[in-house]
Amino acid sequence: MLFSHIKNDTKWEILDKDHIDRLLKDKDYAIIEKEEKEEIKSPNEDLNILSYAEIKRLAKEKGLKYNNVKKEELIKSLKEGE
């Protein structure tokens, strides 16, 4: 879920449910409506251009281990899984 800090307009993607619950109650944060992103359709696409959060989301959707895993290792796992 995407949040924006109202006072300084910092944007964050939060994946932890407890953290999300805390931010929903905090008046200094607002939810940002997430635009649907195009799914990666080709293994030849450059995964390096995606943010770490986007790579983690893709790994989670594919059922891969994604917590405490470096971006490079996630990219390798995603490419091997396709």
N, C-alpha and C. Protein backbone atom coordinates (compact mmCIF):
# COMPACT_ATOMS: atom_id res chain seq x y z
N MET A 1 0.85 -1.16 0.00
CA MET A 1 0.00 0.00 0.00
C MET A 1 0.90 1.23 0.00
N LEU A 2 0.56 2.21 -0.79
CA LEU A 2 1.35 3.44 -0.88
C LEU A 2 0.81 4.50 0.06
N PHE A 3 1.72 5.17 0.75
CA PHE A 3 1.38 6.25 1.66
C PHE A 3 2.20 7.48 1.32
N SER A 4 1.66 8.63 1.63
CA SER A 4 2.36 9.89 1.49
C SER A 4 2.33 10.62 2.82
N HIS A 5 3.50 11.12 3.23
CA HIS A 5 3.56 11.94 4.44
C HIS A 5 3.05 13.32 4.05
N ILE A 6 2.02 13.78 4.71
CA ILE A 6 1.33 15.01 4.32
C ILE A 6 2.23 16.24 4.43
N LYS A 7 3.04 16.32 5.48
CA LYS A 7 3.83 17.52 5.71
C LYS A 7 5.00 17.69 4.76
N ASN A 8 5.66 16.59 4.38
CA ASN A 8 6.83 16.74 3.50
C ASN A 8 6.69 15.99 2.18
N ASP A 9 5.53 15.42 1.92
CA ASP A 9 5.20 14.75 0.66
C ASP A 9 6.14 13.59 0.33
N THR A 10 6.69 12.94 1.35
CA THR A 10 7.49 11.75 1.14
C THR A 10 6.56 10.58 0.87
N LYS A 11 6.89 9.78 -0.13
CA LYS A 11 6.04 8.65 -0.51
C LYS A 11 6.72 7.35 -0.11
N TRP A 12 5.91 6.40 0.42
CA TRP A 12 6.41 5.12 0.89
C TRP A 12 5.49 4.01 0.43
N GLU A 13 6.09 2.88 0.05
CA GLU A 13 5.28 1.67 -0.18
C GLU A 13 5.49 0.79 1.04
N ILE A 14 4.41 0.51 1.75
CA ILE A 14 4.46 -0.27 2.97
C ILE A 14 3.81 -1.62 2.71
N LEU A 15 4.52 -2.69 3.08
CA LEU A 15 4.03 -4.04 2.85
C LEU A 15 3.61 -4.73 4.14
N ASP A 16 4.14 -4.30 5.26
CA ASP A 16 3.85 -4.92 6.55
C ASP A 16 2.46 -4.51 7.05
N LYS A 17 1.62 -5.51 7.37
CA LYS A 17 0.24 -5.24 7.77
C LYS A 17 0.16 -4.38 9.03
N ASP A 18 0.98 -4.67 10.04
CA ASP A 18 0.96 -3.88 11.27
C ASP A 18 1.36 -2.43 11.02
N HIS A 19 2.36 -2.24 10.18
CA HIS A 19 2.79 -0.88 9.84
C HIS A 19 1.69 -0.14 9.09
N ILE A 20 1.02 -0.84 8.18
CA ILE A 20 -0.08 -0.24 7.44
C ILE A 20 -1.18 0.20 8.40
N ASP A 21 -1.52 -0.66 9.35
CA ASP A 21 -2.57 -0.33 10.33
C ASP A 21 -2.21 0.92 11.13
N ARG A 22 -0.93 1.04 11.53
CA ARG A 22 -0.50 2.22 12.28
C ARG A 22 -0.60 3.49 11.43
N LEU A 23 -0.19 3.40 10.16
CA LEU A 23 -0.24 4.58 9.30
C LEU A 23 -1.67 4.99 8.96
N LEU A 24 -2.56 4.02 8.86
CA LEU A 24 -3.97 4.35 8.59
C LEU A 24 -4.57 5.18 9.72
N LYS A 25 -4.07 4.99 10.94
CA LYS A 25 -4.56 5.73 12.09
C LYS A 25 -3.84 7.07 12.29
N ASP A 26 -2.72 7.24 11.61
CA ASP A 26 -1.90 8.45 11.78
C ASP A 26 -2.40 9.55 10.85
N LYS A 27 -2.75 10.70 11.41
CA LYS A 27 -3.30 11.79 10.60
C LYS A 27 -2.25 12.46 9.70
N ASP A 28 -0.96 12.18 9.91
CA ASP A 28 0.09 12.77 9.09
C ASP A 28 0.36 12.01 7.79
N TYR A 29 -0.34 10.88 7.59
CA TYR A 29 -0.14 10.07 6.39
C TYR A 29 -1.46 9.91 5.64
N ALA A 30 -1.34 9.88 4.31
CA ALA A 30 -2.51 9.68 3.44
C ALA A 30 -2.21 8.53 2.49
N ILE A 31 -3.25 7.81 2.13
CA ILE A 31 -3.11 6.71 1.17
C ILE A 31 -3.01 7.28 -0.23
N ILE A 32 -2.12 6.72 -1.01
CA ILE A 32 -1.99 7.09 -2.42
C ILE A 32 -2.62 5.97 -3.22
N GLU A 33 -3.55 6.32 -4.08
CA GLU A 33 -4.18 5.31 -4.92
C GLU A 33 -3.13 4.80 -5.90
N LYS A 34 -2.92 3.50 -5.88
CA LYS A 34 -1.89 2.88 -6.70
C LYS A 34 -2.41 2.65 -8.11
N GLU A 35 -1.64 3.09 -9.08
CA GLU A 35 -1.99 2.85 -10.46
C GLU A 35 -1.62 1.41 -10.79
N GLU A 36 -2.44 0.79 -11.60
CA GLU A 36 -2.12 -0.57 -12.02
C GLU A 36 -0.88 -0.52 -12.91
N LYS A 37 0.09 -1.33 -12.55
CA LYS A 37 1.32 -1.39 -13.32
C LYS A 37 1.27 -2.59 -14.25
N GLU A 38 1.84 -2.42 -15.41
CA GLU A 38 1.86 -3.49 -16.38
C GLU A 38 2.75 -4.62 -15.87
N GLU A 39 2.23 -5.82 -15.93
CA GLU A 39 2.98 -6.98 -15.48
C GLU A 39 4.14 -7.24 -16.45
N ILE A 40 5.19 -7.82 -15.91
CA ILE A 40 6.33 -8.19 -16.75
C ILE A 40 5.92 -9.42 -17.55
N LYS A 41 5.98 -9.29 -18.86
CA LYS A 41 5.52 -10.35 -19.73
C LYS A 41 6.67 -11.08 -20.40
N SER A 42 7.81 -10.45 -20.46
CA SER A 42 8.93 -11.03 -21.17
C SER A 42 10.11 -11.21 -20.23
N PRO A 43 10.75 -12.39 -20.26
CA PRO A 43 11.93 -12.58 -19.42
C PRO A 43 13.08 -11.71 -19.87
N ASN A 44 12.98 -11.14 -21.08
CA ASN A 44 14.04 -10.30 -21.59
C ASN A 44 13.95 -8.86 -21.11
N GLU A 45 12.84 -8.50 -20.45
CA GLU A 45 12.72 -7.15 -19.92
C GLU A 45 13.75 -6.93 -18.84
N ASP A 46 14.24 -5.72 -18.73
CA ASP A 46 15.27 -5.40 -17.75
C ASP A 46 14.63 -5.17 -16.39
N LEU A 47 14.77 -6.14 -15.50
CA LEU A 47 14.21 -6.03 -14.16
C LEU A 47 14.95 -5.01 -13.32
N ASN A 48 16.16 -4.65 -13.73
CA ASN A 48 16.96 -3.69 -12.95
C ASN A 48 16.35 -2.30 -12.92
N ILE A 49 15.46 -1.99 -13.86
CA ILE A 49 14.86 -0.65 -13.86
C ILE A 49 13.75 -0.53 -12.83
N LEU A 50 13.26 -1.69 -12.30
CA LEU A 50 12.20 -1.67 -11.30
C LEU A 50 12.79 -1.38 -9.92
N SER A 51 11.97 -0.79 -9.06
CA SER A 51 12.41 -0.52 -7.69
C SER A 51 12.45 -1.84 -6.91
N TYR A 52 13.15 -1.81 -5.79
CA TYR A 52 13.24 -2.99 -4.93
C TYR A 52 11.85 -3.44 -4.49
N ALA A 53 10.99 -2.48 -4.14
CA ALA A 53 9.63 -2.81 -3.71
C ALA A 53 8.86 -3.51 -4.83
N GLU A 54 9.04 -3.06 -6.08
CA GLU A 54 8.35 -3.69 -7.21
C GLU A 54 8.86 -5.11 -7.44
N ILE A 55 10.18 -5.29 -7.30
CA ILE A 55 10.78 -6.62 -7.46
C ILE A 55 10.24 -7.55 -6.37
N LYS A 56 10.15 -7.05 -5.12
CA LYS A 56 9.62 -7.86 -4.03
C LYS A 56 8.17 -8.24 -4.29
N ARG A 57 7.39 -7.31 -4.80
CA ARG A 57 5.98 -7.58 -5.10
C ARG A 57 5.86 -8.68 -6.14
N LEU A 58 6.69 -8.62 -7.19
CA LEU A 58 6.66 -9.65 -8.23
C LEU A 58 7.05 -11.00 -7.65
N ALA A 59 8.08 -11.02 -6.81
CA ALA A 59 8.52 -12.27 -6.20
C ALA A 59 7.42 -12.86 -5.32
N LYS A 60 6.75 -11.99 -4.56
CA LYS A 60 5.66 -12.44 -3.70
C LYS A 60 4.53 -13.03 -4.53
N GLU A 61 4.18 -12.37 -5.63
CA GLU A 61 3.11 -12.85 -6.50
C GLU A 61 3.44 -14.21 -7.11
N LYS A 62 4.74 -14.47 -7.33
CA LYS A 62 5.15 -15.74 -7.93
C LYS A 62 5.45 -16.80 -6.88
N GLY A 63 5.24 -16.45 -5.60
CA GLY A 63 5.44 -17.42 -4.53
C GLY A 63 6.88 -17.67 -4.17
N LEU A 64 7.76 -16.72 -4.52
CA LEU A 64 9.18 -16.86 -4.20
C LEU A 64 9.49 -16.23 -2.85
N LYS A 65 10.59 -16.67 -2.23
CA LYS A 65 11.05 -16.05 -0.99
C LYS A 65 11.51 -14.63 -1.34
N TYR A 66 11.06 -13.64 -0.58
CA TYR A 66 11.40 -12.26 -0.90
C TYR A 66 11.86 -11.45 0.30
N ASN A 67 11.63 -11.92 1.52
CA ASN A 67 12.08 -11.17 2.70
C ASN A 67 13.56 -11.42 2.95
N ASN A 68 14.27 -10.36 3.27
CA ASN A 68 15.72 -10.44 3.55
C ASN A 68 16.51 -11.02 2.39
N VAL A 69 16.09 -10.71 1.17
CA VAL A 69 16.78 -11.17 -0.03
C VAL A 69 17.20 -9.93 -0.81
N LYS A 70 18.45 -9.92 -1.26
CA LYS A 70 18.96 -8.77 -2.02
C LYS A 70 18.26 -8.67 -3.38
N LYS A 71 18.23 -7.45 -3.91
CA LYS A 71 17.57 -7.19 -5.18
C LYS A 71 18.13 -8.06 -6.29
N GLU A 72 19.45 -8.19 -6.34
CA GLU A 72 20.08 -8.98 -7.39
C GLU A 72 19.65 -10.44 -7.32
N GLU A 73 19.53 -10.97 -6.09
CA GLU A 73 19.11 -12.36 -5.92
C GLU A 73 17.64 -12.55 -6.31
N LEU A 74 16.81 -11.53 -6.00
CA LEU A 74 15.40 -11.60 -6.40
C LEU A 74 15.27 -11.60 -7.92
N ILE A 75 16.04 -10.75 -8.58
CA ILE A 75 16.01 -10.69 -10.04
C ILE A 75 16.41 -12.04 -10.63
N LYS A 76 17.48 -12.63 -10.08
CA LYS A 76 17.93 -13.94 -10.57
C LYS A 76 16.83 -14.99 -10.39
N SER A 77 16.19 -15.00 -9.23
CA SER A 77 15.10 -15.96 -8.97
C SER A 77 13.93 -15.75 -9.92
N LEU A 78 13.58 -14.48 -10.16
CA LEU A 78 12.47 -14.20 -11.08
C LEU A 78 12.79 -14.66 -12.49
N LYS A 79 14.01 -14.43 -12.94
CA LYS A 79 14.40 -14.83 -14.30
C LYS A 79 14.44 -16.35 -14.42
N GLU A 80 14.88 -17.04 -13.36
CA GLU A 80 14.94 -18.51 -13.40
C GLU A 80 13.54 -19.12 -13.40
N GLY A 81 12.60 -18.41 -12.75
CA GLY A 81 11.25 -18.92 -12.65
C GLY A 81 10.41 -18.73 -13.89
N GLU A 82 10.87 -17.94 -14.83
CA GLU A 82 10.07 -17.66 -16.02
C GLU A 82 10.36 -18.67 -17.11
